[in-house]
Amino acid sequence: MTNGPPEVPSASQARKKALLGFLAVVLTLVFAGWKLSSWPVRLRYPGERNYVEGMRLAEMLHLRGGLPIYAPASAGRLDAAI
């Protein structure tokens, strides 16, 4: 332990610390802006279309379009309702 005065950082050390702090703030703002820019799309999205919900949605679309729900699958076409 020394009884002398505390060390004062040099100007270059203080400048490096200030620059590092500034870069940290800028990087944080960039990532925050990136996340915030996707919020409108996330808020308007009606929900996940998982396996169960996707089948019900496909059935409703078939009924609305007048297509038979349990029609045999044709070659090269995937029908989510069946």
N, C-alpha and C. Protein backbone atom coordinates (compact mmCIF):
# COMPACT_ATOMS: atom_id res chain seq x y z
N MET A 1 0.83 -1.18 0.00
CA MET A 1 0.00 0.00 0.00
C MET A 1 0.87 1.24 0.00
N THR A 2 0.53 2.13 -0.88
CA THR A 2 1.29 3.38 -0.92
C THR A 2 0.45 4.49 -0.31
N ASN A 3 1.12 5.42 0.30
CA ASN A 3 0.42 6.54 0.93
C ASN A 3 0.39 7.75 0.03
N GLY A 4 0.89 7.62 -1.19
CA GLY A 4 0.93 8.76 -2.10
C GLY A 4 -0.42 9.02 -2.75
N PRO A 5 -0.46 10.06 -3.54
CA PRO A 5 -1.72 10.42 -4.23
C PRO A 5 -2.08 9.34 -5.27
N PRO A 6 -3.37 9.19 -5.57
CA PRO A 6 -3.77 8.20 -6.58
C PRO A 6 -3.24 8.59 -7.95
N GLU A 7 -3.03 7.57 -8.77
CA GLU A 7 -2.49 7.83 -10.11
C GLU A 7 -3.57 8.45 -10.99
N VAL A 8 -3.18 9.45 -11.75
CA VAL A 8 -4.08 10.11 -12.68
C VAL A 8 -3.83 9.50 -14.06
N PRO A 9 -4.89 9.01 -14.73
CA PRO A 9 -4.67 8.42 -16.04
C PRO A 9 -4.20 9.47 -17.04
N SER A 10 -3.38 9.04 -17.96
CA SER A 10 -2.88 9.97 -18.97
C SER A 10 -4.01 10.30 -19.94
N ALA A 11 -3.78 11.30 -20.76
CA ALA A 11 -4.79 11.76 -21.71
C ALA A 11 -5.11 10.68 -22.73
N SER A 12 -4.10 9.92 -23.15
CA SER A 12 -4.35 8.88 -24.15
C SER A 12 -5.17 7.74 -23.56
N GLN A 13 -4.93 7.40 -22.29
CA GLN A 13 -5.72 6.36 -21.64
C GLN A 13 -7.18 6.81 -21.48
N ALA A 14 -7.38 8.06 -21.11
CA ALA A 14 -8.72 8.60 -20.94
C ALA A 14 -9.44 8.63 -22.29
N ARG A 15 -8.71 8.97 -23.36
CA ARG A 15 -9.30 9.02 -24.69
C ARG A 15 -9.71 7.62 -25.15
N LYS A 16 -8.86 6.61 -24.86
CA LYS A 16 -9.17 5.23 -25.23
C LYS A 16 -10.42 4.74 -24.49
N LYS A 17 -10.52 5.08 -23.20
CA LYS A 17 -11.69 4.68 -22.43
C LYS A 17 -12.96 5.34 -22.97
N ALA A 18 -12.85 6.61 -23.31
CA ALA A 18 -14.01 7.33 -23.85
C ALA A 18 -14.42 6.75 -25.20
N LEU A 19 -13.45 6.42 -26.05
CA LEU A 19 -13.74 5.84 -27.35
C LEU A 19 -14.38 4.46 -27.20
N LEU A 20 -13.87 3.66 -26.29
CA LEU A 20 -14.44 2.33 -26.05
C LEU A 20 -15.88 2.43 -25.53
N GLY A 21 -16.13 3.36 -24.64
CA GLY A 21 -17.48 3.59 -24.14
C GLY A 21 -18.42 4.06 -25.24
N PHE A 22 -17.92 4.96 -26.09
CA PHE A 22 -18.72 5.45 -27.21
C PHE A 22 -19.07 4.32 -28.17
N LEU A 23 -18.10 3.47 -28.49
CA LEU A 23 -18.34 2.34 -29.38
C LEU A 23 -19.34 1.35 -28.78
N ALA A 24 -19.26 1.13 -27.48
CA ALA A 24 -20.20 0.24 -26.82
C ALA A 24 -21.63 0.79 -26.91
N VAL A 25 -21.78 2.08 -26.71
CA VAL A 25 -23.11 2.70 -26.80
C VAL A 25 -23.63 2.64 -28.23
N VAL A 26 -22.78 2.94 -29.21
CA VAL A 26 -23.20 2.91 -30.61
C VAL A 26 -23.61 1.49 -31.01
N LEU A 27 -22.82 0.50 -30.62
CA LEU A 27 -23.14 -0.88 -30.94
C LEU A 27 -24.46 -1.31 -30.30
N THR A 28 -24.69 -0.90 -29.08
CA THR A 28 -25.95 -1.20 -28.40
C THR A 28 -27.12 -0.55 -29.12
N LEU A 29 -26.96 0.69 -29.55
CA LEU A 29 -28.03 1.39 -30.27
C LEU A 29 -28.31 0.75 -31.62
N VAL A 30 -27.27 0.26 -32.29
CA VAL A 30 -27.47 -0.40 -33.59
C VAL A 30 -28.30 -1.67 -33.41
N PHE A 31 -27.94 -2.50 -32.44
CA PHE A 31 -28.69 -3.72 -32.22
C PHE A 31 -30.11 -3.45 -31.72
N ALA A 32 -30.27 -2.44 -30.88
CA ALA A 32 -31.62 -2.08 -30.41
C ALA A 32 -32.47 -1.59 -31.58
N GLY A 33 -31.90 -0.78 -32.45
CA GLY A 33 -32.64 -0.31 -33.63
C GLY A 33 -33.00 -1.45 -34.56
N TRP A 34 -32.10 -2.40 -34.69
CA TRP A 34 -32.36 -3.57 -35.54
C TRP A 34 -33.54 -4.37 -35.00
N LYS A 35 -33.57 -4.58 -33.69
CA LYS A 35 -34.68 -5.31 -33.08
C LYS A 35 -35.98 -4.51 -33.17
N LEU A 36 -35.92 -3.23 -32.90
CA LEU A 36 -37.13 -2.40 -32.94
C LEU A 36 -37.70 -2.29 -34.34
N SER A 37 -36.86 -2.37 -35.36
CA SER A 37 -37.35 -2.26 -36.73
C SER A 37 -38.20 -3.45 -37.13
N SER A 38 -38.06 -4.58 -36.45
CA SER A 38 -38.86 -5.76 -36.79
C SER A 38 -40.15 -5.84 -35.97
N TRP A 39 -40.37 -4.94 -35.04
CA TRP A 39 -41.56 -5.01 -34.20
C TRP A 39 -42.86 -4.85 -34.97
N PRO A 40 -42.99 -3.91 -35.93
CA PRO A 40 -44.27 -3.79 -36.63
C PRO A 40 -44.70 -5.10 -37.31
N VAL A 41 -43.77 -5.81 -37.91
CA VAL A 41 -44.09 -7.07 -38.55
C VAL A 41 -44.50 -8.10 -37.51
N ARG A 42 -43.80 -8.15 -36.42
CA ARG A 42 -44.12 -9.12 -35.37
C ARG A 42 -45.48 -8.84 -34.74
N LEU A 43 -45.84 -7.58 -34.61
CA LEU A 43 -47.12 -7.23 -34.00
C LEU A 43 -48.29 -7.52 -34.92
N ARG A 44 -48.08 -7.42 -36.24
CA ARG A 44 -49.16 -7.68 -37.19
C ARG A 44 -49.31 -9.16 -37.52
N TYR A 45 -48.32 -9.99 -37.23
CA TYR A 45 -48.38 -11.41 -37.59
C TYR A 45 -49.45 -12.10 -36.74
N PRO A 46 -50.37 -12.82 -37.36
CA PRO A 46 -51.50 -13.38 -36.61
C PRO A 46 -51.15 -14.53 -35.68
N GLY A 47 -50.02 -15.13 -35.83
CA GLY A 47 -49.64 -16.22 -34.94
C GLY A 47 -48.89 -17.29 -35.69
N GLU A 48 -48.38 -18.22 -34.95
CA GLU A 48 -47.62 -19.30 -35.56
C GLU A 48 -48.58 -20.27 -36.25
N ARG A 49 -48.19 -20.71 -37.41
CA ARG A 49 -48.97 -21.73 -38.11
C ARG A 49 -48.31 -23.07 -37.86
N ASN A 50 -48.62 -23.65 -36.75
CA ASN A 50 -48.03 -24.94 -36.43
C ASN A 50 -48.84 -26.05 -37.08
N TYR A 51 -48.56 -27.27 -36.77
CA TYR A 51 -49.18 -28.42 -37.43
C TYR A 51 -50.70 -28.40 -37.32
N VAL A 52 -51.22 -28.22 -36.12
CA VAL A 52 -52.67 -28.28 -35.91
C VAL A 52 -53.35 -27.07 -36.53
N GLU A 53 -52.85 -25.90 -36.26
CA GLU A 53 -53.48 -24.69 -36.78
C GLU A 53 -53.38 -24.66 -38.30
N GLY A 54 -52.30 -25.16 -38.87
CA GLY A 54 -52.13 -25.16 -40.32
C GLY A 54 -53.16 -26.03 -41.02
N MET A 55 -53.49 -27.19 -40.44
CA MET A 55 -54.50 -28.06 -41.04
C MET A 55 -55.88 -27.40 -41.00
N ARG A 56 -56.22 -26.80 -39.89
CA ARG A 56 -57.53 -26.13 -39.78
C ARG A 56 -57.61 -24.97 -40.76
N LEU A 57 -56.55 -24.21 -40.87
CA LEU A 57 -56.54 -23.09 -41.80
C LEU A 57 -56.68 -23.57 -43.23
N ALA A 58 -55.98 -24.66 -43.58
CA ALA A 58 -56.10 -25.20 -44.93
C ALA A 58 -57.51 -25.70 -45.21
N GLU A 59 -58.14 -26.34 -44.21
CA GLU A 59 -59.52 -26.79 -44.38
C GLU A 59 -60.46 -25.62 -44.61
N MET A 60 -60.30 -24.54 -43.86
CA MET A 60 -61.15 -23.37 -44.03
C MET A 60 -60.96 -22.75 -45.41
N LEU A 61 -59.73 -22.70 -45.87
CA LEU A 61 -59.47 -22.14 -47.20
C LEU A 61 -60.07 -23.02 -48.29
N HIS A 62 -60.01 -24.34 -48.13
CA HIS A 62 -60.62 -25.25 -49.10
C HIS A 62 -62.14 -25.06 -49.13
N LEU A 63 -62.75 -24.98 -47.95
CA LEU A 63 -64.20 -24.80 -47.88
C LEU A 63 -64.63 -23.47 -48.50
N ARG A 64 -63.86 -22.44 -48.23
CA ARG A 64 -64.19 -21.12 -48.78
C ARG A 64 -64.06 -21.12 -50.29
N GLY A 65 -63.08 -21.86 -50.81
CA GLY A 65 -62.88 -21.91 -52.25
C GLY A 65 -63.74 -22.94 -52.95
N GLY A 66 -64.55 -23.72 -52.21
CA GLY A 66 -65.42 -24.70 -52.81
C GLY A 66 -64.71 -25.99 -53.19
N LEU A 67 -63.52 -26.23 -52.67
CA LEU A 67 -62.78 -27.46 -52.97
C LEU A 67 -63.15 -28.54 -51.96
N PRO A 68 -63.18 -29.79 -52.38
CA PRO A 68 -63.44 -30.85 -51.41
C PRO A 68 -62.26 -31.00 -50.45
N ILE A 69 -62.56 -31.14 -49.19
CA ILE A 69 -61.50 -31.20 -48.18
C ILE A 69 -60.71 -32.50 -48.28
N TYR A 70 -61.42 -33.61 -48.47
CA TYR A 70 -60.73 -34.90 -48.45
C TYR A 70 -60.53 -35.47 -49.85
N ALA A 71 -60.25 -34.61 -50.80
CA ALA A 71 -59.95 -35.07 -52.16
C ALA A 71 -58.61 -35.80 -52.15
N PRO A 72 -58.47 -36.82 -53.02
CA PRO A 72 -57.18 -37.52 -53.06
C PRO A 72 -56.07 -36.58 -53.50
N ALA A 73 -54.91 -36.77 -52.93
CA ALA A 73 -53.78 -35.91 -53.26
C ALA A 73 -53.33 -36.17 -54.69
N SER A 74 -53.01 -35.11 -55.40
CA SER A 74 -52.51 -35.28 -56.76
C SER A 74 -50.99 -35.38 -56.72
N ALA A 75 -50.43 -35.91 -57.78
CA ALA A 75 -48.97 -36.08 -57.84
C ALA A 75 -48.28 -34.71 -57.87
N GLY A 76 -47.28 -34.57 -57.05
CA GLY A 76 -46.50 -33.34 -57.04
C GLY A 76 -47.15 -32.19 -56.29
N ARG A 77 -48.23 -32.44 -55.57
CA ARG A 77 -48.90 -31.37 -54.83
C ARG A 77 -49.14 -31.84 -53.40
N LEU A 78 -48.71 -31.04 -52.47
CA LEU A 78 -48.91 -31.35 -51.05
C LEU A 78 -50.16 -30.62 -50.58
N ASP A 79 -51.07 -31.34 -50.03
CA ASP A 79 -52.30 -30.74 -49.52
C ASP A 79 -52.24 -30.77 -47.99
N ALA A 80 -52.19 -29.62 -47.39
CA ALA A 80 -52.02 -29.55 -45.93
C ALA A 80 -53.27 -29.94 -45.19
N ALA A 81 -54.43 -29.95 -45.86
CA ALA A 81 -55.67 -30.27 -45.16
C ALA A 81 -55.83 -31.75 -44.88
N ILE A 82 -55.11 -32.59 -45.62
CA ILE A 82 -55.31 -34.04 -45.38
C ILE A 82 -54.06 -34.64 -44.83
